[in-house]
Amino acid sequence: HAGSVIRIDDKGVVPPNNPFVGRSGAKAEIFSYGNRNVQGAAMHPETGELWTHEHGPQGGDELNVIRAGVNYGWPVITYGVNYVVGTRIGEGTHKQGMAQPLHYWVPSIAPCGMDFIKGDLYPAWKNRLLVGSLKYEYLNMCEIVDGKVVSEELLLKNIGRVRNVKVSPDGYIYVAVEEPGIIYKMVPAA
């Protein structure tokens, strides 16, 4: 199952419309493959699509919308390089039959945790995507238009290694950092 996104229902059963159900030699629970180290996943509040980000090699962290049966390329294609020596990984950045990321970060931000802003507490930010940065210790906010990242804003700079970000059912944004082990609640200005 390494390098794949698994899809099962809330009872642990594989949905019959998974892309590899009934295919000889395939694992029916796999929904997509070629994914590298997914560390964040969130459902888009309007489209219901599953968005993920992948912690890449040196550079090449990816943001993807997960689609049934799609090969996202790892380890054959990537925008990252090997740590320390900086040599190319795989065959390059493009290959027929393998999906390009929706967005990627070079240099790597070391993404961790993500969620979409839902509700009306932050009206100017509604439906924007929040992604934590372990490496640069900030919260990254992506503006999405027609399924594409059109701008990014860095929030809470130097807050610490962001391990997770979640929007609660009542709409507040919570950000968890490693050291000193704090969860911050973002409250809109009056």
N, C-alpha and C. Protein backbone atom coordinates (compact mmCIF):
# COMPACT_ATOMS: atom_id res chain seq x y z
N HIS A 1 0.80 -1.21 0.00
CA HIS A 1 0.00 0.00 0.00
C HIS A 1 0.84 1.27 0.00
N ALA A 2 2.16 1.12 0.12
CA ALA A 2 3.00 2.31 0.14
C ALA A 2 2.82 3.10 -1.15
N GLY A 3 2.74 4.42 -1.02
CA GLY A 3 2.60 5.27 -2.18
C GLY A 3 1.23 5.29 -2.80
N SER A 4 0.21 4.94 -2.00
CA SER A 4 -1.15 4.95 -2.55
C SER A 4 -2.11 5.60 -1.57
N VAL A 5 -3.24 6.04 -2.10
CA VAL A 5 -4.34 6.52 -1.27
C VAL A 5 -5.38 5.41 -1.27
N ILE A 6 -5.78 5.02 -0.07
CA ILE A 6 -6.72 3.92 0.13
C ILE A 6 -8.13 4.48 0.32
N ARG A 7 -9.13 3.82 -0.26
CA ARG A 7 -10.53 4.25 -0.08
C ARG A 7 -11.34 3.06 0.40
N ILE A 8 -11.87 3.19 1.62
CA ILE A 8 -12.79 2.21 2.20
C ILE A 8 -13.95 2.98 2.82
N ASP A 9 -15.06 2.30 3.09
CA ASP A 9 -16.18 3.00 3.72
C ASP A 9 -16.02 2.98 5.24
N ASP A 10 -16.99 3.57 5.94
CA ASP A 10 -16.88 3.70 7.40
C ASP A 10 -16.99 2.37 8.15
N LYS A 11 -17.28 1.29 7.44
CA LYS A 11 -17.30 -0.05 8.05
C LYS A 11 -16.06 -0.86 7.67
N GLY A 12 -15.13 -0.23 6.91
CA GLY A 12 -13.92 -0.91 6.50
C GLY A 12 -14.06 -1.73 5.24
N VAL A 13 -15.13 -1.53 4.51
CA VAL A 13 -15.41 -2.29 3.28
C VAL A 13 -15.00 -1.46 2.06
N VAL A 14 -14.44 -2.14 1.07
CA VAL A 14 -14.05 -1.48 -0.17
C VAL A 14 -15.30 -1.14 -0.98
N PRO A 15 -15.47 0.14 -1.37
CA PRO A 15 -16.62 0.49 -2.22
C PRO A 15 -16.53 -0.23 -3.57
N PRO A 16 -17.66 -0.70 -4.09
CA PRO A 16 -17.64 -1.46 -5.35
C PRO A 16 -17.20 -0.64 -6.55
N ASN A 17 -17.23 0.70 -6.44
CA ASN A 17 -16.81 1.53 -7.58
C ASN A 17 -15.36 2.01 -7.47
N ASN A 18 -14.58 1.45 -6.55
CA ASN A 18 -13.15 1.75 -6.53
C ASN A 18 -12.54 1.33 -7.87
N PRO A 19 -11.51 2.03 -8.34
CA PRO A 19 -11.01 1.80 -9.70
C PRO A 19 -10.36 0.44 -9.96
N PHE A 20 -9.90 -0.26 -8.90
CA PHE A 20 -9.21 -1.53 -9.13
C PHE A 20 -10.00 -2.74 -8.64
N VAL A 21 -11.27 -2.54 -8.30
CA VAL A 21 -12.12 -3.66 -7.88
C VAL A 21 -12.24 -4.65 -9.03
N GLY A 22 -11.97 -5.93 -8.74
CA GLY A 22 -12.11 -6.98 -9.74
C GLY A 22 -10.95 -7.10 -10.71
N ARG A 23 -9.94 -6.26 -10.57
CA ARG A 23 -8.78 -6.33 -11.47
C ARG A 23 -7.76 -7.31 -10.90
N SER A 24 -7.41 -8.30 -11.66
CA SER A 24 -6.47 -9.33 -11.23
C SER A 24 -5.11 -8.72 -10.85
N GLY A 25 -4.59 -9.12 -9.69
CA GLY A 25 -3.29 -8.66 -9.23
C GLY A 25 -3.29 -7.28 -8.60
N ALA A 26 -4.45 -6.65 -8.50
CA ALA A 26 -4.54 -5.30 -7.92
C ALA A 26 -5.21 -5.37 -6.55
N LYS A 27 -4.90 -4.41 -5.71
CA LYS A 27 -5.55 -4.29 -4.41
C LYS A 27 -6.78 -3.41 -4.58
N ALA A 28 -7.94 -3.96 -4.31
CA ALA A 28 -9.21 -3.26 -4.55
C ALA A 28 -9.35 -1.99 -3.74
N GLU A 29 -8.69 -1.91 -2.60
CA GLU A 29 -8.84 -0.75 -1.73
C GLU A 29 -8.02 0.46 -2.20
N ILE A 30 -7.10 0.27 -3.14
CA ILE A 30 -6.31 1.39 -3.65
C ILE A 30 -7.17 2.27 -4.55
N PHE A 31 -7.14 3.58 -4.26
CA PHE A 31 -7.91 4.55 -5.03
C PHE A 31 -7.02 5.30 -6.01
N SER A 32 -5.81 5.67 -5.56
CA SER A 32 -4.81 6.28 -6.44
C SER A 32 -3.45 5.77 -6.03
N TYR A 33 -2.45 5.96 -6.89
CA TYR A 33 -1.10 5.48 -6.56
C TYR A 33 -0.07 6.45 -7.13
N GLY A 34 1.21 6.19 -6.84
CA GLY A 34 2.26 7.12 -7.24
C GLY A 34 2.30 8.34 -6.33
N ASN A 35 1.73 8.21 -5.15
CA ASN A 35 1.74 9.30 -4.16
C ASN A 35 2.93 9.12 -3.24
N ARG A 36 3.60 10.21 -2.87
CA ARG A 36 4.76 10.12 -1.99
C ARG A 36 4.46 10.79 -0.66
N ASN A 37 4.43 10.03 0.41
CA ASN A 37 4.40 10.55 1.77
C ASN A 37 3.31 11.60 1.99
N VAL A 38 2.06 11.22 1.80
CA VAL A 38 0.93 12.12 2.03
C VAL A 38 0.88 12.46 3.52
N GLN A 39 0.94 13.76 3.83
CA GLN A 39 0.90 14.20 5.24
C GLN A 39 -0.24 15.14 5.53
N GLY A 40 -1.08 15.37 4.55
CA GLY A 40 -2.25 16.21 4.76
C GLY A 40 -3.33 15.84 3.77
N ALA A 41 -4.57 15.85 4.23
CA ALA A 41 -5.70 15.54 3.36
C ALA A 41 -6.92 16.30 3.86
N ALA A 42 -7.72 16.81 2.93
CA ALA A 42 -8.93 17.54 3.30
C ALA A 42 -9.92 17.48 2.13
N MET A 43 -11.19 17.47 2.47
CA MET A 43 -12.25 17.49 1.47
C MET A 43 -12.60 18.94 1.14
N HIS A 44 -12.65 19.26 -0.14
CA HIS A 44 -13.02 20.62 -0.55
C HIS A 44 -14.47 20.87 -0.12
N PRO A 45 -14.74 22.00 0.55
CA PRO A 45 -16.08 22.25 1.08
C PRO A 45 -17.17 22.42 0.03
N GLU A 46 -16.83 22.77 -1.19
CA GLU A 46 -17.84 22.95 -2.23
C GLU A 46 -17.92 21.78 -3.19
N THR A 47 -16.77 21.24 -3.60
CA THR A 47 -16.77 20.18 -4.61
C THR A 47 -16.81 18.78 -4.00
N GLY A 48 -16.41 18.65 -2.73
CA GLY A 48 -16.35 17.34 -2.09
C GLY A 48 -15.14 16.52 -2.52
N GLU A 49 -14.24 17.10 -3.33
CA GLU A 49 -13.06 16.39 -3.79
C GLU A 49 -12.04 16.26 -2.65
N LEU A 50 -11.28 15.16 -2.70
CA LEU A 50 -10.21 14.95 -1.74
C LEU A 50 -8.94 15.61 -2.27
N TRP A 51 -8.41 16.54 -1.49
CA TRP A 51 -7.14 17.20 -1.79
C TRP A 51 -6.11 16.64 -0.83
N THR A 52 -4.88 16.42 -1.31
CA THR A 52 -3.79 15.96 -0.45
C THR A 52 -2.53 16.75 -0.77
N HIS A 53 -1.63 16.76 0.19
CA HIS A 53 -0.29 17.24 -0.14
C HIS A 53 0.70 16.16 0.23
N GLU A 54 1.79 16.17 -0.52
CA GLU A 54 2.83 15.16 -0.34
C GLU A 54 4.13 15.84 0.08
N HIS A 55 4.71 15.31 1.12
CA HIS A 55 6.02 15.76 1.59
C HIS A 55 7.03 15.12 0.64
N GLY A 56 7.60 15.93 -0.23
CA GLY A 56 8.47 15.42 -1.28
C GLY A 56 9.89 15.17 -0.83
N PRO A 57 10.75 14.83 -1.79
CA PRO A 57 12.17 14.74 -1.48
C PRO A 57 12.69 16.17 -1.31
N GLN A 58 13.94 16.44 -1.57
CA GLN A 58 14.44 17.81 -1.46
C GLN A 58 13.79 18.63 -2.57
N GLY A 59 12.83 19.45 -2.19
CA GLY A 59 12.02 20.18 -3.16
C GLY A 59 10.93 19.27 -3.69
N GLY A 60 9.98 19.85 -4.39
CA GLY A 60 8.97 19.03 -5.04
C GLY A 60 7.80 18.61 -4.19
N ASP A 61 7.56 19.27 -3.04
CA ASP A 61 6.34 18.98 -2.29
C ASP A 61 5.16 19.26 -3.20
N GLU A 62 4.16 18.38 -3.19
CA GLU A 62 3.05 18.49 -4.14
C GLU A 62 1.71 18.70 -3.47
N LEU A 63 0.81 19.37 -4.19
CA LEU A 63 -0.59 19.48 -3.84
C LEU A 63 -1.36 18.82 -4.98
N ASN A 64 -2.24 17.86 -4.64
CA ASN A 64 -2.99 17.11 -5.65
C ASN A 64 -4.46 17.01 -5.28
N VAL A 65 -5.29 16.92 -6.30
CA VAL A 65 -6.68 16.51 -6.13
C VAL A 65 -6.71 15.04 -6.51
N ILE A 66 -7.14 14.20 -5.59
CA ILE A 66 -7.07 12.75 -5.79
C ILE A 66 -8.24 12.27 -6.66
N ARG A 67 -7.89 11.61 -7.74
CA ARG A 67 -8.89 11.07 -8.68
C ARG A 67 -8.73 9.56 -8.79
N ALA A 68 -9.83 8.89 -9.02
CA ALA A 68 -9.85 7.43 -9.08
C ALA A 68 -8.92 6.87 -10.14
N GLY A 69 -8.02 5.96 -9.70
CA GLY A 69 -7.16 5.24 -10.61
C GLY A 69 -5.99 6.02 -11.20
N VAL A 70 -5.78 7.25 -10.74
CA VAL A 70 -4.72 8.09 -11.32
C VAL A 70 -3.37 7.75 -10.71
N ASN A 71 -2.34 7.75 -11.56
CA ASN A 71 -0.96 7.56 -11.13
C ASN A 71 -0.33 8.94 -11.01
N TYR A 72 0.06 9.33 -9.79
CA TYR A 72 0.64 10.64 -9.53
C TYR A 72 2.15 10.66 -9.71
N GLY A 73 2.74 9.55 -10.15
CA GLY A 73 4.10 9.58 -10.65
C GLY A 73 5.24 9.12 -9.78
N TRP A 74 5.10 9.15 -8.46
CA TRP A 74 6.24 8.81 -7.60
C TRP A 74 6.56 7.33 -7.71
N PRO A 75 7.78 6.93 -7.84
CA PRO A 75 9.04 7.69 -7.88
C PRO A 75 9.57 7.94 -9.30
N VAL A 76 8.72 7.80 -10.30
CA VAL A 76 9.17 7.94 -11.68
C VAL A 76 9.34 9.41 -12.06
N ILE A 77 8.38 10.27 -11.66
CA ILE A 77 8.50 11.70 -11.93
C ILE A 77 8.35 12.48 -10.64
N THR A 78 9.10 13.57 -10.54
CA THR A 78 9.04 14.45 -9.37
C THR A 78 9.77 15.75 -9.69
N TYR A 79 9.45 16.81 -8.97
CA TYR A 79 10.17 18.08 -9.10
C TYR A 79 11.27 18.17 -8.05
N GLY A 80 11.39 17.16 -7.18
CA GLY A 80 12.42 17.14 -6.17
C GLY A 80 13.66 16.39 -6.62
N VAL A 81 14.70 16.49 -5.80
CA VAL A 81 15.96 15.79 -6.06
C VAL A 81 16.38 15.05 -4.80
N ASN A 82 17.36 14.16 -4.94
CA ASN A 82 17.87 13.42 -3.79
C ASN A 82 18.50 14.36 -2.77
N TYR A 83 18.25 14.07 -1.48
CA TYR A 83 18.89 14.83 -0.42
C TYR A 83 20.40 14.67 -0.50
N VAL A 84 21.11 15.61 0.01
CA VAL A 84 22.57 15.67 0.11
C VAL A 84 23.24 15.83 -1.25
N VAL A 85 23.10 14.86 -2.15
CA VAL A 85 23.82 14.90 -3.42
C VAL A 85 23.11 15.69 -4.51
N GLY A 86 21.79 15.89 -4.38
CA GLY A 86 21.04 16.70 -5.33
C GLY A 86 20.84 16.10 -6.70
N THR A 87 21.02 14.79 -6.82
CA THR A 87 20.85 14.15 -8.12
C THR A 87 19.37 13.93 -8.44
N ARG A 88 19.08 13.81 -9.71
CA ARG A 88 17.71 13.61 -10.19
C ARG A 88 17.14 12.29 -9.68
N ILE A 89 15.85 12.29 -9.45
CA ILE A 89 15.11 11.09 -9.07
C ILE A 89 14.26 10.67 -10.25
N GLY A 90 14.27 9.41 -10.59
CA GLY A 90 13.41 8.90 -11.65
C GLY A 90 13.78 9.42 -13.02
N GLU A 91 12.75 9.68 -13.82
CA GLU A 91 12.95 10.02 -15.23
C GLU A 91 12.77 11.50 -15.54
N GLY A 92 12.52 12.31 -14.54
CA GLY A 92 12.31 13.74 -14.79
C GLY A 92 11.03 14.23 -14.14
N THR A 93 10.39 15.22 -14.78
CA THR A 93 9.20 15.83 -14.19
C THR A 93 7.90 15.50 -14.92
N HIS A 94 7.97 14.93 -16.09
CA HIS A 94 6.77 14.60 -16.88
C HIS A 94 6.90 13.22 -17.49
N LYS A 95 5.79 12.50 -17.56
CA LYS A 95 5.74 11.24 -18.30
C LYS A 95 4.29 10.98 -18.67
N GLN A 96 4.08 10.52 -19.88
CA GLN A 96 2.72 10.23 -20.34
C GLN A 96 2.07 9.22 -19.41
N GLY A 97 0.81 9.45 -19.07
CA GLY A 97 0.05 8.56 -18.21
C GLY A 97 0.22 8.85 -16.73
N MET A 98 1.03 9.86 -16.38
CA MET A 98 1.24 10.24 -14.98
C MET A 98 0.81 11.69 -14.79
N ALA A 99 0.07 11.92 -13.73
CA ALA A 99 -0.50 13.24 -13.47
C ALA A 99 0.53 14.23 -12.97
N GLN A 100 0.38 15.46 -13.41
CA GLN A 100 1.15 16.56 -12.86
C GLN A 100 0.49 17.05 -11.58
N PRO A 101 1.27 17.54 -10.62
CA PRO A 101 0.65 18.08 -9.42
C PRO A 101 -0.16 19.34 -9.74
N LEU A 102 -1.17 19.58 -8.96
CA LEU A 102 -1.94 20.81 -9.09
C LEU A 102 -1.05 22.01 -8.78
N HIS A 103 -0.14 21.82 -7.81
CA HIS A 103 0.78 22.87 -7.36
C HIS A 103 1.97 22.16 -6.73
N TYR A 104 3.13 22.78 -6.77
CA TYR A 104 4.27 22.21 -6.07
C TYR A 104 5.16 23.32 -5.52
N TRP A 105 5.90 22.97 -4.48
CA TRP A 105 6.77 23.94 -3.81
C TRP A 105 8.23 23.55 -3.99
N VAL A 106 9.00 24.45 -4.59
CA VAL A 106 10.46 24.34 -4.66
C VAL A 106 10.98 25.73 -4.30
N PRO A 107 11.70 25.91 -3.20
CA PRO A 107 12.17 24.84 -2.33
C PRO A 107 11.03 24.24 -1.52
N SER A 108 11.30 23.09 -0.95
CA SER A 108 10.33 22.38 -0.14
C SER A 108 9.94 23.20 1.08
N ILE A 109 8.63 23.24 1.38
CA ILE A 109 8.18 23.88 2.62
C ILE A 109 7.99 22.83 3.72
N ALA A 110 8.14 21.55 3.37
CA ALA A 110 7.90 20.44 4.29
C ALA A 110 6.47 20.54 4.84
N PRO A 111 5.47 20.32 3.96
CA PRO A 111 4.08 20.49 4.37
C PRO A 111 3.63 19.43 5.36
N CYS A 112 2.78 19.86 6.29
CA CYS A 112 2.23 18.93 7.27
C CYS A 112 0.89 19.47 7.74
N GLY A 113 -0.14 18.67 7.62
CA GLY A 113 -1.48 19.08 8.02
C GLY A 113 -2.09 20.03 7.02
N MET A 114 -3.40 19.94 6.84
CA MET A 114 -4.09 20.88 5.95
C MET A 114 -5.59 20.82 6.18
N ASP A 115 -6.24 21.92 5.86
CA ASP A 115 -7.70 21.96 5.92
C ASP A 115 -8.18 23.17 5.12
N PHE A 116 -9.44 23.10 4.70
CA PHE A 116 -10.08 24.23 4.03
C PHE A 116 -10.82 25.07 5.06
N ILE A 117 -10.85 26.37 4.84
CA ILE A 117 -11.58 27.28 5.73
C ILE A 117 -13.05 27.21 5.35
N LYS A 118 -13.87 26.84 6.33
CA LYS A 118 -15.30 26.69 6.13
C LYS A 118 -16.04 27.64 7.07
N GLY A 119 -17.29 27.90 6.80
CA GLY A 119 -18.09 28.75 7.68
C GLY A 119 -17.90 30.22 7.38
N ASP A 120 -18.40 31.06 8.29
CA ASP A 120 -18.44 32.50 8.05
C ASP A 120 -17.59 33.32 9.02
N LEU A 121 -16.75 32.68 9.85
CA LEU A 121 -15.93 33.44 10.80
C LEU A 121 -14.85 34.26 10.11
N TYR A 122 -14.36 33.78 8.99
CA TYR A 122 -13.31 34.46 8.23
C TYR A 122 -13.82 34.65 6.80
N PRO A 123 -14.77 35.56 6.58
CA PRO A 123 -15.43 35.64 5.27
C PRO A 123 -14.48 35.90 4.09
N ALA A 124 -13.43 36.68 4.29
CA ALA A 124 -12.50 36.96 3.18
C ALA A 124 -11.65 35.74 2.83
N TRP A 125 -11.60 34.75 3.73
CA TRP A 125 -10.77 33.57 3.53
C TRP A 125 -11.58 32.32 3.20
N LYS A 126 -12.88 32.43 3.06
CA LYS A 126 -13.73 31.25 2.86
C LYS A 126 -13.23 30.40 1.69
N ASN A 127 -13.16 29.09 1.93
CA ASN A 127 -12.74 28.06 0.97
C ASN A 127 -11.26 28.11 0.62
N ARG A 128 -10.48 28.93 1.29
CA ARG A 128 -9.03 28.90 1.07
C ARG A 128 -8.45 27.69 1.78
N LEU A 129 -7.30 27.25 1.30
CA LEU A 129 -6.66 26.06 1.82
C LEU A 129 -5.50 26.45 2.74
N LEU A 130 -5.47 25.86 3.93
CA LEU A 130 -4.39 26.09 4.89
C LEU A 130 -3.47 24.88 4.89
N VAL A 131 -2.16 25.13 4.80
CA VAL A 131 -1.15 24.07 4.80
C VAL A 131 -0.05 24.47 5.79
N GLY A 132 0.26 23.60 6.73
CA GLY A 132 1.33 23.88 7.68
C GLY A 132 2.69 23.66 7.04
N SER A 133 3.70 24.43 7.53
CA SER A 133 5.08 24.25 7.07
C SER A 133 5.95 23.85 8.25
N LEU A 134 6.52 22.65 8.16
CA LEU A 134 7.47 22.21 9.19
C LEU A 134 8.79 22.96 9.04
N LYS A 135 9.26 23.08 7.81
CA LYS A 135 10.59 23.64 7.56
C LYS A 135 10.68 25.13 7.89
N TYR A 136 9.71 25.90 7.41
CA TYR A 136 9.79 27.36 7.56
C TYR A 136 8.95 27.91 8.71
N GLU A 137 8.22 27.03 9.40
CA GLU A 137 7.50 27.38 10.63
C GLU A 137 6.46 28.48 10.43
N TYR A 138 5.58 28.26 9.46
CA TYR A 138 4.47 29.18 9.24
C TYR A 138 3.25 28.40 8.76
N LEU A 139 2.14 29.11 8.66
CA LEU A 139 0.92 28.56 8.09
C LEU A 139 0.77 29.17 6.71
N ASN A 140 0.65 28.33 5.69
CA ASN A 140 0.53 28.77 4.31
C ASN A 140 -0.95 28.76 3.93
N MET A 141 -1.44 29.88 3.41
CA MET A 141 -2.84 29.94 2.97
C MET A 141 -2.86 30.10 1.45
N CYS A 142 -3.52 29.16 0.78
CA CYS A 142 -3.61 29.15 -0.67
C CYS A 142 -5.00 29.60 -1.10
N GLU A 143 -5.03 30.55 -2.02
CA GLU A 143 -6.29 30.95 -2.64
C GLU A 143 -6.47 30.08 -3.87
N ILE A 144 -7.64 29.45 -3.96
CA ILE A 144 -7.94 28.52 -5.04
C ILE A 144 -9.01 29.14 -5.94
N VAL A 145 -8.76 29.20 -7.23
CA VAL A 145 -9.74 29.67 -8.21
C VAL A 145 -9.78 28.64 -9.33
N ASP A 146 -10.98 28.13 -9.61
CA ASP A 146 -11.17 27.13 -10.66
C ASP A 146 -10.20 25.95 -10.51
N GLY A 147 -10.01 25.50 -9.26
CA GLY A 147 -9.17 24.34 -9.01
C GLY A 147 -7.68 24.57 -9.13
N LYS A 148 -7.25 25.84 -9.13
CA LYS A 148 -5.82 26.16 -9.24
C LYS A 148 -5.42 27.12 -8.12
N VAL A 149 -4.19 26.96 -7.62
CA VAL A 149 -3.65 27.89 -6.63
C VAL A 149 -3.24 29.16 -7.37
N VAL A 150 -3.90 30.28 -7.03
CA VAL A 150 -3.60 31.55 -7.72
C VAL A 150 -2.76 32.49 -6.86
N SER A 151 -2.75 32.26 -5.54
CA SER A 151 -1.90 33.06 -4.68
C SER A 151 -1.68 32.32 -3.37
N GLU A 152 -0.60 32.71 -2.68
CA GLU A 152 -0.28 32.14 -1.38
C GLU A 152 0.05 33.28 -0.42
N GLU A 153 -0.36 33.13 0.82
CA GLU A 153 -0.06 34.11 1.86
C GLU A 153 0.51 33.36 3.06
N LEU A 154 1.59 33.87 3.62
CA LEU A 154 2.22 33.24 4.77
C LEU A 154 1.65 33.87 6.04
N LEU A 155 1.06 33.03 6.89
CA LEU A 155 0.46 33.48 8.15
C LEU A 155 1.27 32.92 9.31
N LEU A 156 1.23 33.60 10.43
CA LEU A 156 1.84 33.13 11.68
C LEU A 156 3.31 32.76 11.49
N LYS A 157 4.06 33.63 10.87
CA LYS A 157 5.48 33.37 10.61
C LYS A 157 6.23 33.10 11.91
N ASN A 158 7.15 32.15 11.86
CA ASN A 158 8.00 31.77 13.00
C ASN A 158 7.21 31.25 14.20
N ILE A 159 6.05 30.66 13.94
CA ILE A 159 5.22 30.11 15.03
C ILE A 159 5.81 28.82 15.60
N GLY A 160 6.62 28.14 14.84
CA GLY A 160 7.16 26.82 15.20
C GLY A 160 6.79 25.84 14.11
N ARG A 161 7.34 24.63 14.20
CA ARG A 161 7.08 23.60 13.19
C ARG A 161 5.61 23.21 13.24
N VAL A 162 4.86 23.62 12.21
CA VAL A 162 3.42 23.36 12.18
C VAL A 162 3.19 21.90 11.84
N ARG A 163 2.59 21.18 12.77
CA ARG A 163 2.35 19.76 12.61
C ARG A 163 0.94 19.50 12.06
N ASN A 164 -0.02 20.37 12.39
CA ASN A 164 -1.38 20.17 11.89
C ASN A 164 -2.15 21.47 11.95
N VAL A 165 -3.17 21.57 11.11
CA VAL A 165 -4.10 22.68 11.11
C VAL A 165 -5.48 22.11 10.83
N LYS A 166 -6.47 22.54 11.61
CA LYS A 166 -7.83 22.06 11.43
C LYS A 166 -8.81 23.20 11.66
N VAL A 167 -9.91 23.16 10.91
CA VAL A 167 -11.01 24.09 11.12
C VAL A 167 -12.08 23.31 11.88
N SER A 168 -12.46 23.82 13.05
CA SER A 168 -13.42 23.13 13.90
C SER A 168 -14.83 23.25 13.33
N PRO A 169 -15.77 22.42 13.80
CA PRO A 169 -17.15 22.51 13.32
C PRO A 169 -17.77 23.90 13.51
N ASP A 170 -17.31 24.65 14.54
CA ASP A 170 -17.85 26.00 14.73
C ASP A 170 -17.07 27.05 13.92
N GLY A 171 -16.10 26.61 13.09
CA GLY A 171 -15.44 27.50 12.15
C GLY A 171 -14.11 28.08 12.56
N TYR A 172 -13.66 27.86 13.80
CA TYR A 172 -12.38 28.40 14.24
C TYR A 172 -11.22 27.59 13.67
N ILE A 173 -10.11 28.28 13.41
CA ILE A 173 -8.90 27.64 12.91
C ILE A 173 -8.00 27.31 14.10
N TYR A 174 -7.54 26.04 14.17
CA TYR A 174 -6.61 25.61 15.22
C TYR A 174 -5.32 25.15 14.55
N VAL A 175 -4.19 25.59 15.12
CA VAL A 175 -2.87 25.26 14.57
C VAL A 175 -2.04 24.61 15.66
N ALA A 176 -1.54 23.39 15.39
CA ALA A 176 -0.72 22.66 16.34
C ALA A 176 0.74 22.74 15.92
N VAL A 177 1.61 23.12 16.87
CA VAL A 177 3.04 23.19 16.61
C VAL A 177 3.78 22.23 17.54
N GLU A 178 4.94 21.75 17.07
CA GLU A 178 5.71 20.76 17.82
C GLU A 178 6.28 21.30 19.12
N GLU A 179 7.06 22.35 19.04
CA GLU A 179 7.73 22.88 20.22
C GLU A 179 7.25 24.28 20.49
N PRO A 180 6.75 24.55 21.63
CA PRO A 180 6.75 23.72 22.84
C PRO A 180 5.51 22.86 23.00
N GLY A 181 4.90 22.42 21.93
CA GLY A 181 3.72 21.56 22.02
C GLY A 181 2.47 22.35 22.33
N ILE A 182 2.15 23.31 21.49
CA ILE A 182 1.01 24.22 21.73
C ILE A 182 0.01 24.10 20.58
N ILE A 183 -1.27 24.26 20.91
CA ILE A 183 -2.32 24.39 19.91
C ILE A 183 -2.84 25.81 20.01
N TYR A 184 -2.75 26.55 18.91
CA TYR A 184 -3.22 27.92 18.85
C TYR A 184 -4.60 27.97 18.23
N LYS A 185 -5.44 28.85 18.74
CA LYS A 185 -6.77 29.11 18.17
C LYS A 185 -6.73 30.50 17.54
N MET A 186 -7.06 30.57 16.26
CA MET A 186 -7.08 31.86 15.56
C MET A 186 -8.48 32.47 15.71
N VAL A 187 -8.52 33.66 16.29
CA VAL A 187 -9.79 34.35 16.54
C VAL A 187 -9.82 35.59 15.65
N PRO A 188 -10.87 35.76 14.84
CA PRO A 188 -10.94 36.94 13.97
C PRO A 188 -10.96 38.22 14.81
N ALA A 189 -10.35 39.28 14.24
CA ALA A 189 -10.37 40.58 14.92
C ALA A 189 -11.80 41.09 14.93
N ALA A 190 -12.15 41.81 15.98
CA ALA A 190 -13.52 42.35 16.11
C ALA A 190 -13.76 43.39 15.04
